[in-house]
C-alpha cells in the first residue's frame, strides 16, 4: 500500500525539461505563508490574492522571469484583532495594497538536475524594495509547474512595525506557487 502514493507522486511530480513558458500563478492551490516569533511563540500567517506573470524555461534561465504580487489586505493569522492591527498599523494596506516579488536573475544550482534553482530579485513591501536571494524548486504537476522556496527577511528593513523586545525582527517566508499556462 505504501507503494501507491510513491508511484502517484512519481507520475505527477517530475522535473521540468524545458519549454515551460508564459504562466500565471494560481491563487487556489498556492500558499504564501510566514512565521514570526511573538513572545517567543511562533505565529503563522498566510497571504492570498496571488497574481502576476512567470516566464520559466529551465533550458533558457537567462530569459526566465518572475513578477508576482499578493494582496497585503489578505493577511490572516487566525486572529481577527491581530489581523486588523497588522493591516492598519504594520502594513498600512490602504496606501500599500500589494507585496511584490520581481526576479533579476534565475540561476542553476548544483542540484539543478533535481529541479533546484536560485532566485535573485527584489521584494517590495510598503514601497520599500530590498534584494532577496533564495533557492527554489520547480516541479511538474501534470501540465503545470509548482515552485517552492523559503527565505527570511528582517521586517524592520521594510518598516513593518517598530523595534520590539517581544516581536522578532526575523520573518520566515514559505512559497508554494502553482502555475498554469496563459
N, C-alpha and C. Protein backbone atom coordinates (compact mmCIF):
# COMPACT_ATOMS: atom_id res chain seq x y z
N UNK A 1 0.81 -1.20 0.00
CA UNK A 1 0.00 0.00 0.00
C UNK A 1 0.85 1.27 0.00
N UNK A 2 2.02 1.23 0.62
CA UNK A 2 2.88 2.41 0.64
C UNK A 2 3.42 2.73 -0.74
N UNK A 3 3.43 1.78 -1.62
CA UNK A 3 3.97 1.98 -2.96
C UNK A 3 3.05 2.85 -3.80
N UNK A 4 1.75 2.82 -3.58
CA UNK A 4 0.81 3.58 -4.41
C UNK A 4 1.05 5.09 -4.29
N UNK A 5 1.13 5.67 -3.08
CA UNK A 5 1.41 7.12 -3.02
C UNK A 5 2.74 7.48 -3.68
N UNK A 6 3.75 6.64 -3.53
CA UNK A 6 5.03 6.89 -4.16
C UNK A 6 4.89 6.90 -5.68
N UNK A 7 4.20 5.93 -6.24
CA UNK A 7 4.02 5.88 -7.69
C UNK A 7 3.23 7.08 -8.21
N UNK A 8 2.19 7.49 -7.47
CA UNK A 8 1.42 8.66 -7.89
C UNK A 8 2.28 9.92 -7.86
N UNK A 9 3.08 10.06 -6.82
CA UNK A 9 3.98 11.20 -6.75
C UNK A 9 4.96 11.16 -7.91
N UNK A 10 5.51 10.01 -8.21
CA UNK A 10 6.46 9.88 -9.29
C UNK A 10 5.83 10.22 -10.64
N UNK A 11 4.61 9.80 -10.85
CA UNK A 11 3.94 10.07 -12.13
C UNK A 11 3.62 11.54 -12.33
N UNK A 12 3.27 12.25 -11.25
CA UNK A 12 2.80 13.62 -11.40
C UNK A 12 3.84 14.68 -11.05
N UNK A 13 4.88 14.31 -10.37
CA UNK A 13 5.88 15.29 -9.97
C UNK A 13 7.23 14.89 -10.55
N UNK A 14 7.59 15.51 -11.65
CA UNK A 14 8.90 15.27 -12.21
C UNK A 14 9.49 16.60 -12.64
N UNK A 15 10.77 16.61 -12.84
CA UNK A 15 11.48 17.85 -13.09
C UNK A 15 11.19 18.37 -14.49
N UNK A 16 11.09 19.70 -14.63
CA UNK A 16 10.87 20.28 -15.94
C UNK A 16 12.05 20.02 -16.86
N UNK A 17 11.76 19.79 -18.12
CA UNK A 17 12.81 19.52 -19.09
C UNK A 17 13.07 20.72 -19.99
N UNK A 18 12.17 21.67 -20.04
CA UNK A 18 12.32 22.84 -20.89
C UNK A 18 11.00 23.21 -21.52
N UNK A 19 11.01 24.38 -22.19
CA UNK A 19 9.84 24.85 -22.93
C UNK A 19 8.60 25.06 -22.07
N UNK A 20 8.75 25.39 -20.82
CA UNK A 20 7.63 25.80 -19.99
C UNK A 20 7.73 27.32 -19.93
N UNK A 21 6.79 28.01 -20.54
CA UNK A 21 6.89 29.47 -20.60
C UNK A 21 5.53 30.09 -20.39
N UNK A 22 5.54 31.40 -20.15
CA UNK A 22 4.32 32.21 -20.08
C UNK A 22 3.24 31.58 -19.23
N UNK A 23 3.42 31.70 -17.93
CA UNK A 23 2.48 31.14 -16.97
C UNK A 23 1.96 32.24 -16.04
N UNK A 24 0.89 31.92 -15.37
CA UNK A 24 0.36 32.79 -14.33
C UNK A 24 0.22 31.96 -13.06
N UNK A 25 0.41 32.60 -11.90
CA UNK A 25 0.20 31.87 -10.65
C UNK A 25 -1.29 31.65 -10.43
N UNK A 26 -1.61 30.54 -9.81
CA UNK A 26 -3.00 30.19 -9.49
C UNK A 26 -3.15 30.33 -7.98
N UNK A 27 -3.99 31.27 -7.56
CA UNK A 27 -4.14 31.54 -6.13
C UNK A 27 -4.65 30.30 -5.38
N UNK A 28 -5.70 29.67 -5.92
CA UNK A 28 -6.19 28.42 -5.32
C UNK A 28 -5.17 27.33 -5.63
N UNK A 29 -4.67 26.69 -4.62
CA UNK A 29 -3.64 25.67 -4.80
C UNK A 29 -2.25 26.17 -4.46
N UNK A 30 -2.11 27.49 -4.32
CA UNK A 30 -0.83 28.09 -3.93
C UNK A 30 -0.90 28.47 -2.45
N UNK A 31 0.28 28.62 -1.83
CA UNK A 31 0.35 29.03 -0.43
C UNK A 31 1.51 30.01 -0.27
N UNK A 32 1.20 31.15 0.30
CA UNK A 32 2.22 32.10 0.72
C UNK A 32 2.05 32.21 2.23
N UNK A 33 3.02 31.67 2.97
CA UNK A 33 2.91 31.64 4.43
C UNK A 33 4.12 32.32 5.06
N UNK A 34 3.93 32.74 6.30
CA UNK A 34 5.03 33.34 7.04
C UNK A 34 4.95 32.91 8.50
N UNK A 35 6.10 32.96 9.15
CA UNK A 35 6.20 32.65 10.58
C UNK A 35 7.08 33.71 11.23
N UNK A 36 6.60 34.21 12.37
CA UNK A 36 7.36 35.18 13.16
C UNK A 36 7.16 34.83 14.63
N UNK A 37 8.17 35.04 15.44
CA UNK A 37 8.03 34.76 16.87
C UNK A 37 7.53 36.01 17.59
N UNK A 38 6.49 35.79 18.41
CA UNK A 38 5.90 36.83 19.23
C UNK A 38 5.83 36.28 20.66
N UNK A 39 6.50 36.94 21.59
CA UNK A 39 6.64 36.43 22.96
C UNK A 39 7.29 35.04 22.95
N UNK A 40 8.16 34.79 21.97
CA UNK A 40 8.85 33.52 21.87
C UNK A 40 8.02 32.39 21.27
N UNK A 41 6.78 32.68 20.89
CA UNK A 41 5.90 31.67 20.31
C UNK A 41 5.76 31.94 18.81
N UNK A 42 5.85 30.90 18.02
CA UNK A 42 5.73 31.05 16.57
C UNK A 42 4.29 31.39 16.19
N UNK A 43 4.14 32.48 15.47
CA UNK A 43 2.85 32.89 14.92
C UNK A 43 2.91 32.69 13.42
N UNK A 44 1.96 31.93 12.90
CA UNK A 44 1.91 31.64 11.47
C UNK A 44 0.82 32.45 10.81
N UNK A 45 1.03 32.78 9.55
CA UNK A 45 0.02 33.51 8.80
C UNK A 45 0.11 33.20 7.32
N UNK A 46 -0.91 33.64 6.61
CA UNK A 46 -0.96 33.44 5.17
C UNK A 46 -1.31 34.74 4.47
N UNK A 47 -0.99 34.78 3.19
CA UNK A 47 -1.38 35.87 2.30
C UNK A 47 -2.01 35.26 1.06
N UNK A 48 -2.99 35.92 0.50
CA UNK A 48 -3.69 35.44 -0.69
C UNK A 48 -3.68 36.52 -1.77
N UNK A 49 -4.42 36.25 -2.82
CA UNK A 49 -4.53 37.22 -3.91
C UNK A 49 -3.32 37.19 -4.83
N UNK A 50 -2.75 36.01 -5.00
CA UNK A 50 -1.55 35.84 -5.82
C UNK A 50 -1.86 36.11 -7.28
N UNK A 51 -1.10 37.02 -7.89
CA UNK A 51 -1.25 37.36 -9.30
C UNK A 51 0.12 37.63 -9.89
N UNK A 52 0.19 37.67 -11.22
CA UNK A 52 1.44 38.05 -11.86
C UNK A 52 1.72 37.27 -13.12
N UNK A 53 2.97 37.35 -13.52
CA UNK A 53 3.46 36.67 -14.72
C UNK A 53 4.74 35.93 -14.41
N UNK A 54 4.82 34.73 -14.93
CA UNK A 54 6.01 33.90 -14.76
C UNK A 54 6.41 33.37 -16.13
N UNK A 55 7.66 33.58 -16.48
CA UNK A 55 8.20 33.04 -17.71
C UNK A 55 9.38 32.16 -17.29
N UNK A 56 9.22 30.85 -17.41
CA UNK A 56 10.26 29.95 -16.91
C UNK A 56 10.57 28.88 -17.94
N UNK A 57 11.84 28.83 -18.31
CA UNK A 57 12.34 27.80 -19.21
C UNK A 57 13.65 27.30 -18.62
N UNK A 58 13.68 26.07 -18.09
CA UNK A 58 14.89 25.58 -17.45
C UNK A 58 16.09 25.50 -18.39
N UNK A 59 15.85 25.52 -19.70
CA UNK A 59 16.96 25.50 -20.67
C UNK A 59 17.36 26.89 -21.12
N UNK A 60 16.66 27.92 -20.67
CA UNK A 60 16.98 29.30 -21.02
C UNK A 60 16.72 30.19 -19.81
N UNK A 61 17.47 29.94 -18.74
CA UNK A 61 17.24 30.67 -17.50
C UNK A 61 17.49 32.17 -17.65
N UNK A 62 18.35 32.55 -18.61
CA UNK A 62 18.64 33.97 -18.81
C UNK A 62 17.41 34.75 -19.29
N UNK A 63 16.42 34.06 -19.85
CA UNK A 63 15.18 34.73 -20.27
C UNK A 63 14.02 34.44 -19.31
N UNK A 64 14.28 33.67 -18.28
CA UNK A 64 13.23 33.36 -17.30
C UNK A 64 13.02 34.55 -16.37
N UNK A 65 11.77 34.73 -15.94
CA UNK A 65 11.46 35.86 -15.06
C UNK A 65 10.21 35.59 -14.24
N UNK A 66 10.16 36.23 -13.08
CA UNK A 66 9.03 36.16 -12.17
C UNK A 66 8.64 37.60 -11.82
N UNK A 67 7.37 37.90 -11.85
CA UNK A 67 6.84 39.18 -11.39
C UNK A 67 5.48 38.86 -10.78
N UNK A 68 5.44 38.70 -9.46
CA UNK A 68 4.23 38.25 -8.78
C UNK A 68 3.91 39.16 -7.59
N UNK A 69 2.63 39.23 -7.26
CA UNK A 69 2.18 40.02 -6.13
C UNK A 69 1.19 39.23 -5.29
N UNK A 70 1.08 39.62 -4.03
CA UNK A 70 0.00 39.17 -3.15
C UNK A 70 -0.63 40.42 -2.55
N UNK A 71 -1.87 40.29 -2.12
CA UNK A 71 -2.60 41.42 -1.55
C UNK A 71 -2.35 41.48 -0.04
N UNK A 72 -1.77 42.58 0.40
CA UNK A 72 -1.44 42.74 1.82
C UNK A 72 -2.69 42.66 2.70
N UNK A 73 -3.83 43.09 2.19
CA UNK A 73 -5.06 43.09 2.99
C UNK A 73 -5.61 41.69 3.24
N UNK A 74 -5.02 40.67 2.63
CA UNK A 74 -5.49 39.30 2.84
C UNK A 74 -4.76 38.62 3.99
N UNK A 75 -3.89 39.34 4.68
CA UNK A 75 -3.11 38.73 5.76
C UNK A 75 -4.05 38.06 6.76
N UNK A 76 -3.71 36.82 7.13
CA UNK A 76 -4.58 36.03 8.01
C UNK A 76 -3.70 35.24 8.97
N UNK A 77 -3.81 35.57 10.27
CA UNK A 77 -3.08 34.84 11.30
C UNK A 77 -4.04 34.07 12.20
N UNK A 78 -5.28 33.96 11.77
CA UNK A 78 -6.32 33.26 12.51
C UNK A 78 -6.67 33.98 13.82
N UNK A 79 -6.46 35.31 13.82
CA UNK A 79 -6.80 36.14 14.97
C UNK A 79 -7.25 37.50 14.42
N UNK A 80 -8.54 37.75 14.40
CA UNK A 80 -9.10 38.94 13.78
C UNK A 80 -8.55 40.25 14.32
N UNK A 81 -8.38 40.36 15.63
CA UNK A 81 -7.85 41.60 16.20
C UNK A 81 -6.40 41.84 15.75
N UNK A 82 -5.61 40.77 15.78
CA UNK A 82 -4.22 40.91 15.34
C UNK A 82 -4.16 41.25 13.86
N UNK A 83 -5.00 40.59 13.05
CA UNK A 83 -5.01 40.85 11.61
C UNK A 83 -5.37 42.30 11.31
N UNK A 84 -6.35 42.84 12.02
CA UNK A 84 -6.75 44.24 11.83
C UNK A 84 -5.58 45.17 12.14
N UNK A 85 -4.86 44.89 13.22
CA UNK A 85 -3.70 45.70 13.59
C UNK A 85 -2.59 45.58 12.55
N UNK A 86 -2.34 44.36 12.07
CA UNK A 86 -1.31 44.16 11.05
C UNK A 86 -1.64 44.94 9.78
N UNK A 87 -2.90 44.87 9.36
CA UNK A 87 -3.31 45.56 8.13
C UNK A 87 -3.16 47.08 8.26
N UNK A 88 -3.63 47.62 9.38
CA UNK A 88 -3.64 49.07 9.54
C UNK A 88 -2.29 49.62 10.01
N UNK A 89 -1.74 49.06 11.08
CA UNK A 89 -0.55 49.63 11.71
C UNK A 89 0.77 49.15 11.11
N UNK A 90 0.82 47.89 10.75
CA UNK A 90 2.09 47.32 10.28
C UNK A 90 2.28 47.42 8.77
N UNK A 91 1.24 47.06 8.02
CA UNK A 91 1.36 47.05 6.56
C UNK A 91 0.72 48.26 5.88
N UNK A 92 -0.11 49.00 6.59
CA UNK A 92 -0.78 50.18 6.04
C UNK A 92 -1.33 49.88 4.65
N UNK A 93 -2.23 48.88 4.61
CA UNK A 93 -2.70 48.31 3.34
C UNK A 93 -3.46 49.30 2.46
N UNK A 94 -4.04 50.33 3.04
CA UNK A 94 -4.72 51.32 2.20
C UNK A 94 -3.75 52.06 1.30
N UNK A 95 -2.55 52.31 1.79
CA UNK A 95 -1.53 53.00 1.00
C UNK A 95 -0.60 52.04 0.26
N UNK A 96 -0.51 50.80 0.74
CA UNK A 96 0.42 49.82 0.16
C UNK A 96 -0.31 48.48 -0.02
N UNK A 97 -1.19 48.38 -1.01
CA UNK A 97 -2.04 47.20 -1.12
C UNK A 97 -1.34 45.92 -1.58
N UNK A 98 -0.18 46.04 -2.23
CA UNK A 98 0.48 44.85 -2.79
C UNK A 98 1.87 44.64 -2.20
N UNK A 99 2.22 43.38 -2.08
CA UNK A 99 3.60 42.96 -1.80
C UNK A 99 4.07 42.31 -3.09
N UNK A 100 5.22 42.76 -3.60
CA UNK A 100 5.66 42.34 -4.94
C UNK A 100 7.04 41.70 -4.90
N UNK A 101 7.20 40.64 -5.69
CA UNK A 101 8.48 39.95 -5.84
C UNK A 101 8.80 39.87 -7.33
N UNK A 102 9.94 40.45 -7.72
CA UNK A 102 10.34 40.51 -9.13
C UNK A 102 11.77 39.97 -9.25
N UNK A 103 11.96 39.03 -10.15
CA UNK A 103 13.29 38.44 -10.32
C UNK A 103 14.19 39.37 -11.12
N UNK A 104 15.49 39.28 -10.83
CA UNK A 104 16.50 39.93 -11.66
C UNK A 104 17.42 38.88 -12.28
N UNK A 105 17.46 37.68 -11.64
CA UNK A 105 18.33 36.62 -12.16
C UNK A 105 17.84 35.27 -11.63
N UNK A 106 17.76 34.29 -12.52
CA UNK A 106 17.48 32.90 -12.17
C UNK A 106 18.70 32.10 -12.59
N UNK A 107 19.25 31.31 -11.68
CA UNK A 107 20.48 30.58 -11.96
C UNK A 107 20.36 29.10 -11.64
N UNK A 108 21.24 28.35 -12.25
CA UNK A 108 21.38 26.93 -11.93
C UNK A 108 22.04 26.78 -10.56
N UNK A 109 21.76 25.68 -9.91
CA UNK A 109 22.47 25.31 -8.70
C UNK A 109 23.12 23.95 -8.96
N UNK A 110 23.86 23.47 -7.98
CA UNK A 110 24.46 22.15 -8.14
C UNK A 110 23.40 21.05 -8.11
N UNK A 111 22.16 21.39 -7.76
CA UNK A 111 21.06 20.43 -7.75
C UNK A 111 20.05 20.70 -8.86
N UNK A 112 20.45 21.45 -9.89
CA UNK A 112 19.51 21.81 -10.96
C UNK A 112 18.94 20.59 -11.66
N UNK A 113 19.71 19.52 -11.73
CA UNK A 113 19.19 18.30 -12.36
C UNK A 113 18.03 17.72 -11.57
N UNK A 114 17.89 18.14 -10.31
CA UNK A 114 16.78 17.70 -9.46
C UNK A 114 15.69 18.77 -9.37
N UNK A 115 15.78 19.79 -10.23
CA UNK A 115 14.76 20.83 -10.26
C UNK A 115 15.01 22.00 -9.33
N UNK A 116 16.23 22.14 -8.79
CA UNK A 116 16.54 23.25 -7.89
C UNK A 116 17.26 24.37 -8.64
N UNK A 117 16.86 25.61 -8.35
CA UNK A 117 17.43 26.79 -8.98
C UNK A 117 17.64 27.85 -7.91
N UNK A 118 18.26 28.97 -8.28
CA UNK A 118 18.42 30.07 -7.33
C UNK A 118 17.75 31.32 -7.89
N UNK A 119 16.95 31.96 -7.04
CA UNK A 119 16.24 33.19 -7.38
C UNK A 119 16.97 34.36 -6.77
N UNK A 120 17.20 35.40 -7.55
CA UNK A 120 17.68 36.69 -7.04
C UNK A 120 16.75 37.74 -7.59
N UNK A 121 16.30 38.64 -6.74
CA UNK A 121 15.39 39.66 -7.21
C UNK A 121 15.07 40.67 -6.14
N UNK A 122 14.00 41.40 -6.36
CA UNK A 122 13.60 42.50 -5.49
C UNK A 122 12.25 42.20 -4.85
N UNK A 123 12.20 42.37 -3.54
CA UNK A 123 10.97 42.25 -2.77
C UNK A 123 10.56 43.66 -2.33
N UNK A 124 9.30 44.01 -2.62
CA UNK A 124 8.80 45.33 -2.24
C UNK A 124 7.64 45.17 -1.26
N UNK A 125 7.82 45.77 -0.09
CA UNK A 125 6.79 45.81 0.95
C UNK A 125 6.70 47.25 1.43
N UNK A 126 5.50 47.80 1.46
CA UNK A 126 5.26 49.18 1.91
C UNK A 126 6.09 50.19 1.12
N UNK A 127 6.29 49.94 -0.17
CA UNK A 127 7.03 50.86 -1.01
C UNK A 127 8.53 50.80 -0.84
N UNK A 128 9.02 49.88 -0.02
CA UNK A 128 10.45 49.72 0.21
C UNK A 128 10.91 48.45 -0.50
N UNK A 129 11.95 48.57 -1.31
CA UNK A 129 12.43 47.46 -2.12
C UNK A 129 13.81 47.03 -1.65
N UNK A 130 13.96 45.73 -1.42
CA UNK A 130 15.24 45.15 -1.00
C UNK A 130 15.51 43.91 -1.83
N UNK A 131 16.79 43.61 -2.02
CA UNK A 131 17.17 42.41 -2.76
C UNK A 131 17.03 41.18 -1.86
N UNK A 132 16.52 40.11 -2.45
CA UNK A 132 16.45 38.82 -1.78
C UNK A 132 17.02 37.76 -2.71
N UNK A 133 17.52 36.71 -2.13
CA UNK A 133 18.05 35.59 -2.90
C UNK A 133 17.75 34.31 -2.14
N UNK A 134 17.27 33.30 -2.85
CA UNK A 134 16.95 32.04 -2.19
C UNK A 134 16.86 30.91 -3.20
N UNK A 135 17.11 29.68 -2.76
CA UNK A 135 16.92 28.53 -3.65
C UNK A 135 15.44 28.20 -3.76
N UNK A 136 15.06 27.68 -4.92
CA UNK A 136 13.69 27.22 -5.10
C UNK A 136 13.70 25.96 -5.96
N UNK A 137 12.60 25.25 -5.90
CA UNK A 137 12.46 24.03 -6.69
C UNK A 137 11.29 24.20 -7.65
N UNK A 138 11.46 23.72 -8.85
CA UNK A 138 10.40 23.71 -9.85
C UNK A 138 10.08 22.25 -10.17
N UNK A 139 8.82 21.88 -10.01
CA UNK A 139 8.40 20.52 -10.31
C UNK A 139 7.13 20.56 -11.16
N UNK A 140 7.00 19.59 -11.99
CA UNK A 140 5.79 19.48 -12.81
C UNK A 140 4.68 18.83 -12.00
N UNK A 141 3.48 19.31 -12.30
CA UNK A 141 2.26 18.70 -11.77
C UNK A 141 1.32 18.64 -12.97
N UNK A 142 1.36 17.52 -13.67
CA UNK A 142 0.61 17.41 -14.92
C UNK A 142 1.15 18.39 -15.94
N UNK A 143 0.29 19.27 -16.46
CA UNK A 143 0.69 20.29 -17.45
C UNK A 143 1.25 21.55 -16.79
N UNK A 144 1.18 21.63 -15.48
CA UNK A 144 1.55 22.84 -14.75
C UNK A 144 2.87 22.67 -14.01
N UNK A 145 3.36 23.78 -13.48
CA UNK A 145 4.55 23.77 -12.63
C UNK A 145 4.18 24.24 -11.24
N UNK A 146 4.90 23.72 -10.26
CA UNK A 146 4.80 24.19 -8.88
C UNK A 146 6.19 24.66 -8.47
N UNK A 147 6.26 25.89 -7.98
CA UNK A 147 7.51 26.45 -7.48
C UNK A 147 7.43 26.50 -5.96
N UNK A 148 8.47 26.01 -5.29
CA UNK A 148 8.53 26.06 -3.83
C UNK A 148 9.86 26.65 -3.40
N UNK A 149 9.82 27.46 -2.36
CA UNK A 149 11.03 28.07 -1.84
C UNK A 149 10.78 28.68 -0.48
N UNK A 150 11.87 28.95 0.23
CA UNK A 150 11.81 29.55 1.56
C UNK A 150 12.90 30.59 1.67
N UNK A 151 12.60 31.68 2.37
CA UNK A 151 13.62 32.68 2.66
C UNK A 151 13.20 33.46 3.89
N UNK A 152 14.11 34.24 4.42
CA UNK A 152 13.84 35.04 5.61
C UNK A 152 14.15 36.50 5.31
N UNK A 153 13.39 37.38 5.96
CA UNK A 153 13.64 38.81 5.85
C UNK A 153 13.65 39.41 7.25
N UNK A 154 14.19 40.60 7.33
CA UNK A 154 14.12 41.40 8.55
C UNK A 154 12.97 42.38 8.34
N UNK A 155 11.92 42.27 9.13
CA UNK A 155 10.73 43.10 8.95
C UNK A 155 11.05 44.59 9.09
N UNK A 156 12.06 44.92 9.89
CA UNK A 156 12.43 46.32 10.08
C UNK A 156 13.03 46.94 8.83
N UNK A 157 13.62 46.11 7.96
CA UNK A 157 14.14 46.61 6.68
C UNK A 157 13.03 47.20 5.83
N UNK A 158 11.80 46.75 6.05
CA UNK A 158 10.64 47.21 5.28
C UNK A 158 9.72 48.10 6.12
N UNK A 159 10.19 48.50 7.28
CA UNK A 159 9.42 49.35 8.21
C UNK A 159 8.07 48.74 8.54
N UNK A 160 8.07 47.43 8.74
CA UNK A 160 6.87 46.71 9.19
C UNK A 160 6.96 46.64 10.71
N UNK A 161 6.26 47.56 11.36
CA UNK A 161 6.34 47.65 12.81
C UNK A 161 7.61 48.36 13.25
N UNK A 162 7.78 48.41 14.55
CA UNK A 162 8.95 49.04 15.15
C UNK A 162 9.76 48.02 15.91
N UNK A 163 10.94 48.40 16.34
CA UNK A 163 11.77 47.52 17.14
C UNK A 163 11.02 47.13 18.41
N UNK A 164 11.13 45.87 18.77
CA UNK A 164 10.37 45.37 19.90
C UNK A 164 11.14 44.26 20.61
N UNK A 165 11.02 44.21 21.91
CA UNK A 165 11.68 43.14 22.66
C UNK A 165 10.84 41.86 22.67
N UNK A 166 9.56 41.96 22.27
CA UNK A 166 8.70 40.77 22.29
C UNK A 166 8.41 40.20 20.90
N UNK A 167 8.63 41.01 19.87
CA UNK A 167 8.36 40.57 18.50
C UNK A 167 9.67 40.45 17.74
N UNK A 168 9.92 39.28 17.19
CA UNK A 168 11.15 39.04 16.45
C UNK A 168 11.23 39.94 15.22
N UNK A 169 12.42 40.27 14.82
CA UNK A 169 12.63 41.01 13.57
C UNK A 169 12.64 40.07 12.38
N UNK A 170 12.99 38.82 12.62
CA UNK A 170 13.11 37.84 11.54
C UNK A 170 11.74 37.24 11.20
N UNK A 171 11.44 37.25 9.90
CA UNK A 171 10.21 36.65 9.39
C UNK A 171 10.61 35.59 8.37
N UNK A 172 10.17 34.36 8.59
CA UNK A 172 10.42 33.28 7.64
C UNK A 172 9.23 33.19 6.68
N UNK A 173 9.54 33.16 5.39
CA UNK A 173 8.51 33.13 4.35
C UNK A 173 8.65 31.85 3.57
N UNK A 174 7.53 31.21 3.32
CA UNK A 174 7.48 29.96 2.56
C UNK A 174 6.53 30.14 1.39
N UNK A 175 7.01 29.75 0.21
CA UNK A 175 6.22 29.89 -1.02
C UNK A 175 5.95 28.54 -1.65
N UNK A 176 4.71 28.32 -2.03
CA UNK A 176 4.33 27.19 -2.87
C UNK A 176 3.39 27.78 -3.92
N UNK A 177 3.90 27.92 -5.13
CA UNK A 177 3.15 28.63 -6.17
C UNK A 177 2.82 27.66 -7.30
N UNK A 178 1.54 27.39 -7.42
CA UNK A 178 1.03 26.58 -8.52
C UNK A 178 0.81 27.51 -9.72
N UNK A 179 1.20 27.07 -10.90
CA UNK A 179 1.04 27.90 -12.10
C UNK A 179 0.23 27.15 -13.15
N UNK A 180 -0.25 27.92 -14.10
CA UNK A 180 -0.87 27.36 -15.29
C UNK A 180 -0.44 28.21 -16.47
N UNK A 181 -0.44 27.62 -17.65
CA UNK A 181 -0.07 28.35 -18.85
C UNK A 181 -1.11 29.41 -19.16
N UNK A 182 -0.63 30.52 -19.71
CA UNK A 182 -1.55 31.60 -20.12
C UNK A 182 -2.42 31.13 -21.27
